[in-house]
Amino acid sequence: MTQFVEEPLAPQHLLMMTNGLEDGERLLGKIPEHPGELHKSLAEYFDANLEVTEQDAAHLGIFWAWSLVTKEGWEWVALKKDHWQALGVADKERRYVVLPVSYFVNLYHRHRHTDSIVQPAVVYYCISTGDLKDSEPMSYSVVAM
């Protein structure tokens, strides 16, 4: 099991969260009200834009993670392991964590070789329905990265 240490959110994390929200809205042209609309908009965006950059993908990941925060009650966390650190979202008990920047950058690279992008909808569905493997509090089991 990967053992992360949670650290306080720093100014650079707050800037990433703000930029991701603003750029996600700019890239998609709106803030979808419902998670289903968000996933449809993300799929349409990736399918229609062959010139998506890694930065766009990272910002869309943060934009997507905001839906976990606002709709599912997850919280932003700054995690560290050895010399590695990342911004993520976790449930209140810290059983599960999603690392949205690396997750969407990885999706971006995979999408260039496939027809569609459906994984965020599946991950979101599993989180919203609680269909995740058992995990202990404070274990930070990675759901997506």
N, C-alpha and C. Protein backbone atom coordinates (compact mmCIF):
# COMPACT_ATOMS: atom_id res chain seq x y z
N MET A 1 0.83 -1.17 0.00
CA MET A 1 0.00 0.00 0.00
C MET A 1 0.89 1.25 0.00
N THR A 2 0.50 2.24 -0.78
CA THR A 2 1.23 3.49 -0.84
C THR A 2 0.88 4.34 0.36
N GLN A 3 1.86 4.78 1.11
CA GLN A 3 1.60 5.60 2.27
C GLN A 3 1.94 7.06 1.97
N PHE A 4 0.91 7.86 1.91
CA PHE A 4 1.08 9.29 1.68
C PHE A 4 1.05 10.03 3.00
N VAL A 5 1.66 11.18 3.01
CA VAL A 5 1.57 12.12 4.12
C VAL A 5 0.81 13.32 3.60
N GLU A 6 -0.23 13.71 4.33
CA GLU A 6 -0.99 14.89 3.92
C GLU A 6 -0.35 16.13 4.53
N GLU A 7 -0.20 17.14 3.68
CA GLU A 7 0.37 18.41 4.11
C GLU A 7 -0.66 19.50 3.91
N PRO A 8 -0.50 20.64 4.56
CA PRO A 8 -1.44 21.75 4.34
C PRO A 8 -1.39 22.21 2.88
N LEU A 9 -2.54 22.63 2.37
CA LEU A 9 -2.57 23.19 1.02
C LEU A 9 -1.75 24.48 1.01
N ALA A 10 -0.89 24.60 0.03
CA ALA A 10 0.00 25.76 -0.10
C ALA A 10 -0.56 26.71 -1.16
N PRO A 11 -0.05 27.92 -1.23
CA PRO A 11 -0.54 28.88 -2.23
C PRO A 11 -0.51 28.34 -3.66
N GLN A 12 0.51 27.55 -4.01
CA GLN A 12 0.57 27.03 -5.38
C GLN A 12 -0.57 26.03 -5.64
N HIS A 13 -1.02 25.32 -4.60
CA HIS A 13 -2.15 24.41 -4.77
C HIS A 13 -3.43 25.20 -5.01
N LEU A 14 -3.61 26.27 -4.26
CA LEU A 14 -4.80 27.12 -4.43
C LEU A 14 -4.82 27.73 -5.83
N LEU A 15 -3.64 28.12 -6.32
CA LEU A 15 -3.54 28.67 -7.66
C LEU A 15 -3.90 27.60 -8.71
N MET A 16 -3.41 26.38 -8.52
CA MET A 16 -3.75 25.29 -9.44
C MET A 16 -5.26 25.03 -9.45
N MET A 17 -5.88 25.05 -8.26
CA MET A 17 -7.31 24.81 -8.16
C MET A 17 -8.10 25.90 -8.88
N THR A 18 -7.69 27.14 -8.69
CA THR A 18 -8.37 28.27 -9.33
C THR A 18 -8.17 28.24 -10.84
N ASN A 19 -6.92 28.04 -11.28
CA ASN A 19 -6.64 28.00 -12.73
C ASN A 19 -7.37 26.84 -13.40
N GLY A 20 -7.41 25.69 -12.74
CA GLY A 20 -8.11 24.55 -13.30
C GLY A 20 -9.60 24.80 -13.47
N LEU A 21 -10.20 25.44 -12.49
CA LEU A 21 -11.63 25.76 -12.58
C LEU A 21 -11.89 26.76 -13.70
N GLU A 22 -11.09 27.82 -13.74
CA GLU A 22 -11.27 28.85 -14.76
C GLU A 22 -10.98 28.31 -16.16
N ASP A 23 -9.88 27.59 -16.33
CA ASP A 23 -9.54 27.07 -17.66
C ASP A 23 -10.48 25.96 -18.09
N GLY A 24 -10.94 25.14 -17.15
CA GLY A 24 -11.92 24.12 -17.49
C GLY A 24 -13.19 24.73 -18.04
N GLU A 25 -13.66 25.79 -17.40
CA GLU A 25 -14.86 26.48 -17.89
C GLU A 25 -14.60 27.09 -19.26
N ARG A 26 -13.42 27.67 -19.44
CA ARG A 26 -13.08 28.27 -20.73
C ARG A 26 -13.01 27.20 -21.82
N LEU A 27 -12.37 26.08 -21.52
CA LEU A 27 -12.21 25.03 -22.53
C LEU A 27 -13.54 24.37 -22.89
N LEU A 28 -14.37 24.13 -21.90
CA LEU A 28 -15.66 23.48 -22.16
C LEU A 28 -16.76 24.46 -22.53
N GLY A 29 -16.53 25.75 -22.24
CA GLY A 29 -17.51 26.76 -22.58
C GLY A 29 -18.62 26.91 -21.56
N LYS A 30 -18.55 26.17 -20.47
CA LYS A 30 -19.59 26.24 -19.44
C LYS A 30 -19.16 25.43 -18.22
N ILE A 31 -19.92 25.58 -17.15
CA ILE A 31 -19.76 24.71 -15.99
C ILE A 31 -21.01 23.83 -15.95
N PRO A 32 -20.89 22.58 -16.37
CA PRO A 32 -22.07 21.70 -16.36
C PRO A 32 -22.61 21.51 -14.95
N GLU A 33 -23.92 21.55 -14.82
CA GLU A 33 -24.58 21.43 -13.52
C GLU A 33 -24.56 20.01 -12.98
N HIS A 34 -24.67 19.03 -13.84
CA HIS A 34 -24.82 17.64 -13.44
C HIS A 34 -23.58 16.86 -13.87
N PRO A 35 -23.12 15.90 -13.06
CA PRO A 35 -21.95 15.11 -13.45
C PRO A 35 -22.09 14.45 -14.83
N GLY A 36 -23.28 13.99 -15.18
CA GLY A 36 -23.48 13.39 -16.50
C GLY A 36 -23.20 14.37 -17.62
N GLU A 37 -23.61 15.62 -17.43
CA GLU A 37 -23.33 16.67 -18.42
C GLU A 37 -21.83 16.94 -18.50
N LEU A 38 -21.18 16.93 -17.35
CA LEU A 38 -19.73 17.16 -17.32
C LEU A 38 -19.01 16.09 -18.10
N HIS A 39 -19.36 14.84 -17.88
CA HIS A 39 -18.67 13.75 -18.58
C HIS A 39 -18.94 13.77 -20.07
N LYS A 40 -20.15 14.13 -20.45
CA LYS A 40 -20.47 14.27 -21.88
C LYS A 40 -19.65 15.41 -22.48
N SER A 41 -19.57 16.54 -21.78
CA SER A 41 -18.79 17.68 -22.27
C SER A 41 -17.31 17.34 -22.39
N LEU A 42 -16.77 16.61 -21.42
CA LEU A 42 -15.36 16.21 -21.49
C LEU A 42 -15.10 15.30 -22.68
N ALA A 43 -15.96 14.31 -22.88
CA ALA A 43 -15.79 13.39 -24.01
C ALA A 43 -15.87 14.15 -25.32
N GLU A 44 -16.84 15.05 -25.44
CA GLU A 44 -16.98 15.83 -26.68
C GLU A 44 -15.76 16.71 -26.90
N TYR A 45 -15.24 17.30 -25.83
CA TYR A 45 -14.07 18.16 -25.96
C TYR A 45 -12.87 17.37 -26.45
N PHE A 46 -12.57 16.25 -25.81
CA PHE A 46 -11.42 15.44 -26.22
C PHE A 46 -11.60 14.89 -27.63
N ASP A 47 -12.83 14.51 -27.99
CA ASP A 47 -13.06 13.97 -29.33
C ASP A 47 -12.93 15.04 -30.41
N ALA A 48 -13.28 16.29 -30.08
CA ALA A 48 -13.29 17.36 -31.08
C ALA A 48 -11.97 18.11 -31.16
N ASN A 49 -11.11 17.94 -30.19
CA ASN A 49 -9.87 18.72 -30.14
C ASN A 49 -8.66 17.81 -30.17
N LEU A 50 -8.07 17.70 -31.34
CA LEU A 50 -6.88 16.87 -31.48
C LEU A 50 -5.63 17.54 -30.94
N GLU A 51 -5.70 18.84 -30.74
CA GLU A 51 -4.54 19.59 -30.28
C GLU A 51 -4.62 19.92 -28.79
N VAL A 52 -5.21 19.04 -28.00
CA VAL A 52 -5.25 19.22 -26.55
C VAL A 52 -3.82 19.17 -26.02
N THR A 53 -3.49 20.08 -25.15
CA THR A 53 -2.15 20.08 -24.55
C THR A 53 -2.19 19.37 -23.20
N GLU A 54 -1.02 19.02 -22.70
CA GLU A 54 -0.96 18.43 -21.36
C GLU A 54 -1.50 19.40 -20.32
N GLN A 55 -1.23 20.69 -20.49
CA GLN A 55 -1.73 21.67 -19.54
C GLN A 55 -3.25 21.72 -19.58
N ASP A 56 -3.84 21.68 -20.79
CA ASP A 56 -5.30 21.63 -20.89
C ASP A 56 -5.84 20.40 -20.17
N ALA A 57 -5.20 19.25 -20.39
CA ALA A 57 -5.64 18.01 -19.75
C ALA A 57 -5.54 18.14 -18.23
N ALA A 58 -4.46 18.71 -17.74
CA ALA A 58 -4.29 18.89 -16.30
C ALA A 58 -5.38 19.79 -15.74
N HIS A 59 -5.67 20.88 -16.43
CA HIS A 59 -6.72 21.79 -15.96
C HIS A 59 -8.09 21.15 -16.01
N LEU A 60 -8.34 20.33 -17.03
CA LEU A 60 -9.62 19.62 -17.09
C LEU A 60 -9.71 18.59 -15.96
N GLY A 61 -8.59 18.01 -15.58
CA GLY A 61 -8.59 17.10 -14.43
C GLY A 61 -8.98 17.81 -13.15
N ILE A 62 -8.43 18.98 -12.95
CA ILE A 62 -8.78 19.77 -11.76
C ILE A 62 -10.25 20.19 -11.84
N PHE A 63 -10.69 20.60 -13.01
CA PHE A 63 -12.09 20.98 -13.22
C PHE A 63 -13.00 19.80 -12.86
N TRP A 64 -12.64 18.60 -13.34
CA TRP A 64 -13.42 17.39 -13.05
C TRP A 64 -13.41 17.10 -11.55
N ALA A 65 -12.27 17.27 -10.91
CA ALA A 65 -12.16 17.00 -9.48
C ALA A 65 -13.05 17.93 -8.66
N TRP A 66 -13.24 19.15 -9.16
CA TRP A 66 -14.15 20.07 -8.46
C TRP A 66 -15.54 19.45 -8.34
N SER A 67 -15.96 18.64 -9.31
CA SER A 67 -17.28 18.02 -9.21
C SER A 67 -17.32 17.01 -8.06
N LEU A 68 -16.21 16.34 -7.79
CA LEU A 68 -16.16 15.45 -6.63
C LEU A 68 -16.25 16.24 -5.33
N VAL A 69 -15.66 17.42 -5.33
CA VAL A 69 -15.69 18.27 -4.14
C VAL A 69 -17.11 18.82 -3.92
N THR A 70 -17.71 19.36 -4.97
CA THR A 70 -19.00 20.03 -4.80
C THR A 70 -20.18 19.07 -4.75
N LYS A 71 -20.10 17.95 -5.45
CA LYS A 71 -21.24 17.03 -5.52
C LYS A 71 -21.12 15.83 -4.58
N GLU A 72 -19.90 15.42 -4.27
CA GLU A 72 -19.72 14.20 -3.47
C GLU A 72 -19.11 14.48 -2.09
N GLY A 73 -18.79 15.74 -1.80
CA GLY A 73 -18.27 16.09 -0.48
C GLY A 73 -16.81 15.73 -0.25
N TRP A 74 -16.08 15.45 -1.33
CA TRP A 74 -14.65 15.18 -1.18
C TRP A 74 -13.91 16.48 -0.91
N GLU A 75 -12.66 16.38 -0.51
CA GLU A 75 -11.88 17.55 -0.12
C GLU A 75 -10.54 17.57 -0.84
N TRP A 76 -10.07 18.79 -1.11
CA TRP A 76 -8.74 18.95 -1.70
C TRP A 76 -7.68 18.59 -0.68
N VAL A 77 -6.65 17.88 -1.11
CA VAL A 77 -5.54 17.49 -0.24
C VAL A 77 -4.22 17.67 -0.99
N ALA A 78 -3.20 17.99 -0.23
CA ALA A 78 -1.83 18.01 -0.75
C ALA A 78 -1.14 16.80 -0.16
N LEU A 79 -0.63 15.93 -1.02
CA LEU A 79 -0.02 14.68 -0.57
C LEU A 79 1.46 14.64 -0.92
N LYS A 80 2.20 13.95 -0.07
CA LYS A 80 3.63 13.80 -0.30
C LYS A 80 4.03 12.37 0.03
N LYS A 81 4.97 11.86 -0.75
CA LYS A 81 5.60 10.56 -0.48
C LYS A 81 7.04 10.68 -0.94
N ASP A 82 7.95 10.54 -0.02
CA ASP A 82 9.37 10.72 -0.30
C ASP A 82 9.58 12.10 -0.94
N HIS A 83 10.11 12.14 -2.17
CA HIS A 83 10.36 13.43 -2.84
C HIS A 83 9.24 13.80 -3.80
N TRP A 84 8.19 13.03 -3.82
CA TRP A 84 7.07 13.21 -4.74
C TRP A 84 5.93 13.90 -4.00
N GLN A 85 5.23 14.81 -4.69
CA GLN A 85 4.06 15.45 -4.10
C GLN A 85 3.02 15.72 -5.17
N ALA A 86 1.75 15.80 -4.74
CA ALA A 86 0.67 16.00 -5.70
C ALA A 86 -0.54 16.62 -5.01
N LEU A 87 -1.36 17.26 -5.83
CA LEU A 87 -2.65 17.78 -5.41
C LEU A 87 -3.68 16.71 -5.72
N GLY A 88 -4.55 16.45 -4.78
CA GLY A 88 -5.58 15.44 -5.00
C GLY A 88 -6.89 15.82 -4.33
N VAL A 89 -7.87 14.94 -4.49
CA VAL A 89 -9.13 15.05 -3.76
C VAL A 89 -9.36 13.72 -3.05
N ALA A 90 -9.84 13.81 -1.82
CA ALA A 90 -10.03 12.62 -1.00
C ALA A 90 -11.37 12.70 -0.27
N ASP A 91 -11.91 11.53 0.07
CA ASP A 91 -13.11 11.51 0.89
C ASP A 91 -12.74 11.99 2.30
N LYS A 92 -13.75 12.28 3.09
CA LYS A 92 -13.50 12.87 4.41
C LYS A 92 -12.69 11.97 5.34
N GLU A 93 -12.83 10.65 5.21
CA GLU A 93 -12.08 9.74 6.06
C GLU A 93 -10.70 9.42 5.49
N ARG A 94 -10.41 9.95 4.31
CA ARG A 94 -9.13 9.73 3.64
C ARG A 94 -8.92 8.25 3.31
N ARG A 95 -10.02 7.55 3.04
CA ARG A 95 -9.92 6.16 2.59
C ARG A 95 -9.45 6.11 1.14
N TYR A 96 -9.92 7.07 0.35
CA TYR A 96 -9.68 7.08 -1.10
C TYR A 96 -9.16 8.44 -1.54
N VAL A 97 -8.38 8.41 -2.61
CA VAL A 97 -7.86 9.65 -3.18
C VAL A 97 -7.83 9.52 -4.70
N VAL A 98 -8.07 10.63 -5.36
CA VAL A 98 -7.91 10.77 -6.81
C VAL A 98 -6.87 11.84 -7.03
N LEU A 99 -5.92 11.57 -7.92
CA LEU A 99 -4.90 12.55 -8.30
C LEU A 99 -5.26 13.06 -9.69
N PRO A 100 -6.07 14.12 -9.76
CA PRO A 100 -6.69 14.51 -11.03
C PRO A 100 -5.74 15.00 -12.10
N VAL A 101 -4.65 15.64 -11.72
CA VAL A 101 -3.73 16.15 -12.75
C VAL A 101 -3.08 14.98 -13.48
N SER A 102 -2.45 14.08 -12.73
CA SER A 102 -1.80 12.95 -13.40
C SER A 102 -2.83 12.05 -14.08
N TYR A 103 -4.01 11.90 -13.49
CA TYR A 103 -5.06 11.08 -14.09
C TYR A 103 -5.45 11.60 -15.47
N PHE A 104 -5.71 12.89 -15.58
CA PHE A 104 -6.14 13.43 -16.87
C PHE A 104 -5.00 13.56 -17.86
N VAL A 105 -3.79 13.80 -17.39
CA VAL A 105 -2.65 13.80 -18.32
C VAL A 105 -2.46 12.39 -18.88
N ASN A 106 -2.59 11.37 -18.05
CA ASN A 106 -2.52 10.00 -18.55
C ASN A 106 -3.65 9.69 -19.52
N LEU A 107 -4.87 10.16 -19.21
CA LEU A 107 -6.00 9.97 -20.13
C LEU A 107 -5.72 10.66 -21.47
N TYR A 108 -5.16 11.85 -21.40
CA TYR A 108 -4.81 12.60 -22.61
C TYR A 108 -3.88 11.79 -23.50
N HIS A 109 -2.85 11.17 -22.90
CA HIS A 109 -1.91 10.38 -23.70
C HIS A 109 -2.57 9.13 -24.26
N ARG A 110 -3.42 8.48 -23.46
CA ARG A 110 -4.13 7.30 -23.96
C ARG A 110 -5.17 7.67 -25.02
N HIS A 111 -5.84 8.80 -24.85
CA HIS A 111 -6.90 9.20 -25.79
C HIS A 111 -6.35 9.41 -27.19
N ARG A 112 -5.12 9.81 -27.29
CA ARG A 112 -4.52 10.02 -28.61
C ARG A 112 -4.46 8.71 -29.40
N HIS A 113 -4.66 7.57 -28.72
CA HIS A 113 -4.57 6.27 -29.38
C HIS A 113 -5.87 5.48 -29.35
N THR A 114 -6.93 6.08 -28.82
CA THR A 114 -8.23 5.39 -28.74
C THR A 114 -9.32 6.28 -29.30
N ASP A 115 -10.54 5.76 -29.35
CA ASP A 115 -11.65 6.49 -29.94
C ASP A 115 -12.38 7.42 -28.99
N SER A 116 -12.43 7.10 -27.72
CA SER A 116 -13.22 7.93 -26.81
C SER A 116 -12.63 7.93 -25.42
N ILE A 117 -13.17 8.81 -24.60
CA ILE A 117 -12.70 8.95 -23.23
C ILE A 117 -13.90 8.74 -22.31
N VAL A 118 -14.01 7.56 -21.74
CA VAL A 118 -15.16 7.26 -20.88
C VAL A 118 -14.76 7.02 -19.43
N GLN A 119 -13.51 6.80 -19.16
CA GLN A 119 -13.08 6.45 -17.81
C GLN A 119 -13.50 7.43 -16.72
N PRO A 120 -13.42 8.74 -16.90
CA PRO A 120 -13.83 9.63 -15.80
C PRO A 120 -15.27 9.39 -15.36
N ALA A 121 -16.16 9.07 -16.29
CA ALA A 121 -17.55 8.80 -15.92
C ALA A 121 -17.64 7.53 -15.09
N VAL A 122 -16.87 6.52 -15.43
CA VAL A 122 -16.88 5.25 -14.68
C VAL A 122 -16.31 5.47 -13.28
N VAL A 123 -15.19 6.17 -13.19
CA VAL A 123 -14.57 6.46 -11.89
C VAL A 123 -15.55 7.25 -11.03
N TYR A 124 -16.17 8.27 -11.61
CA TYR A 124 -17.12 9.10 -10.87
C TYR A 124 -18.29 8.25 -10.37
N TYR A 125 -18.80 7.39 -11.23
CA TYR A 125 -19.93 6.52 -10.85
C TYR A 125 -19.54 5.62 -9.68
N CYS A 126 -18.37 5.02 -9.73
CA CYS A 126 -17.92 4.16 -8.63
C CYS A 126 -17.80 4.94 -7.33
N ILE A 127 -17.30 6.16 -7.40
CA ILE A 127 -17.18 6.99 -6.21
C ILE A 127 -18.56 7.36 -5.69
N SER A 128 -19.44 7.82 -6.57
CA SER A 128 -20.75 8.30 -6.12
C SER A 128 -21.63 7.18 -5.57
N THR A 129 -21.44 5.95 -6.04
CA THR A 129 -22.24 4.83 -5.55
C THR A 129 -21.54 4.06 -4.44
N GLY A 130 -20.30 4.41 -4.14
CA GLY A 130 -19.54 3.71 -3.11
C GLY A 130 -19.04 2.34 -3.57
N ASP A 131 -18.98 2.15 -4.87
CA ASP A 131 -18.55 0.87 -5.43
C ASP A 131 -17.02 0.85 -5.55
N LEU A 132 -16.36 0.90 -4.39
CA LEU A 132 -14.90 0.90 -4.32
C LEU A 132 -14.47 -0.21 -3.37
N LYS A 133 -13.27 -0.72 -3.57
CA LYS A 133 -12.76 -1.76 -2.67
C LYS A 133 -12.68 -1.21 -1.24
N ASP A 134 -12.80 -2.11 -0.28
CA ASP A 134 -12.70 -1.69 1.12
C ASP A 134 -11.35 -1.04 1.38
N SER A 135 -11.38 -0.01 2.18
CA SER A 135 -10.15 0.70 2.51
C SER A 135 -10.28 1.29 3.91
N GLU A 136 -9.21 1.28 4.62
CA GLU A 136 -9.19 1.80 5.99
C GLU A 136 -9.09 3.33 5.99
N PRO A 137 -9.63 3.98 7.03
CA PRO A 137 -9.43 5.43 7.15
C PRO A 137 -7.94 5.78 7.14
N MET A 138 -7.63 6.89 6.53
CA MET A 138 -6.26 7.41 6.42
C MET A 138 -5.35 6.55 5.56
N SER A 139 -5.90 5.66 4.74
CA SER A 139 -5.04 4.81 3.90
C SER A 139 -4.80 5.42 2.52
N TYR A 140 -5.60 6.40 2.10
CA TYR A 140 -5.41 7.08 0.82
C TYR A 140 -5.28 6.09 -0.34
N SER A 141 -6.17 5.13 -0.43
CA SER A 141 -6.15 4.20 -1.57
C SER A 141 -6.43 4.97 -2.84
N VAL A 142 -5.56 4.82 -3.81
CA VAL A 142 -5.66 5.59 -5.06
C VAL A 142 -6.74 4.99 -5.94
N VAL A 143 -7.73 5.81 -6.26
CA VAL A 143 -8.82 5.40 -7.15
C VAL A 143 -8.43 5.67 -8.60
N ALA A 144 -7.79 6.82 -8.84
CA ALA A 144 -7.36 7.18 -10.19
C ALA A 144 -6.17 8.11 -10.09
N MET A 145 -5.16 7.82 -10.95
CA MET A 145 -3.99 8.70 -11.03
C MET A 145 -3.35 8.60 -12.40
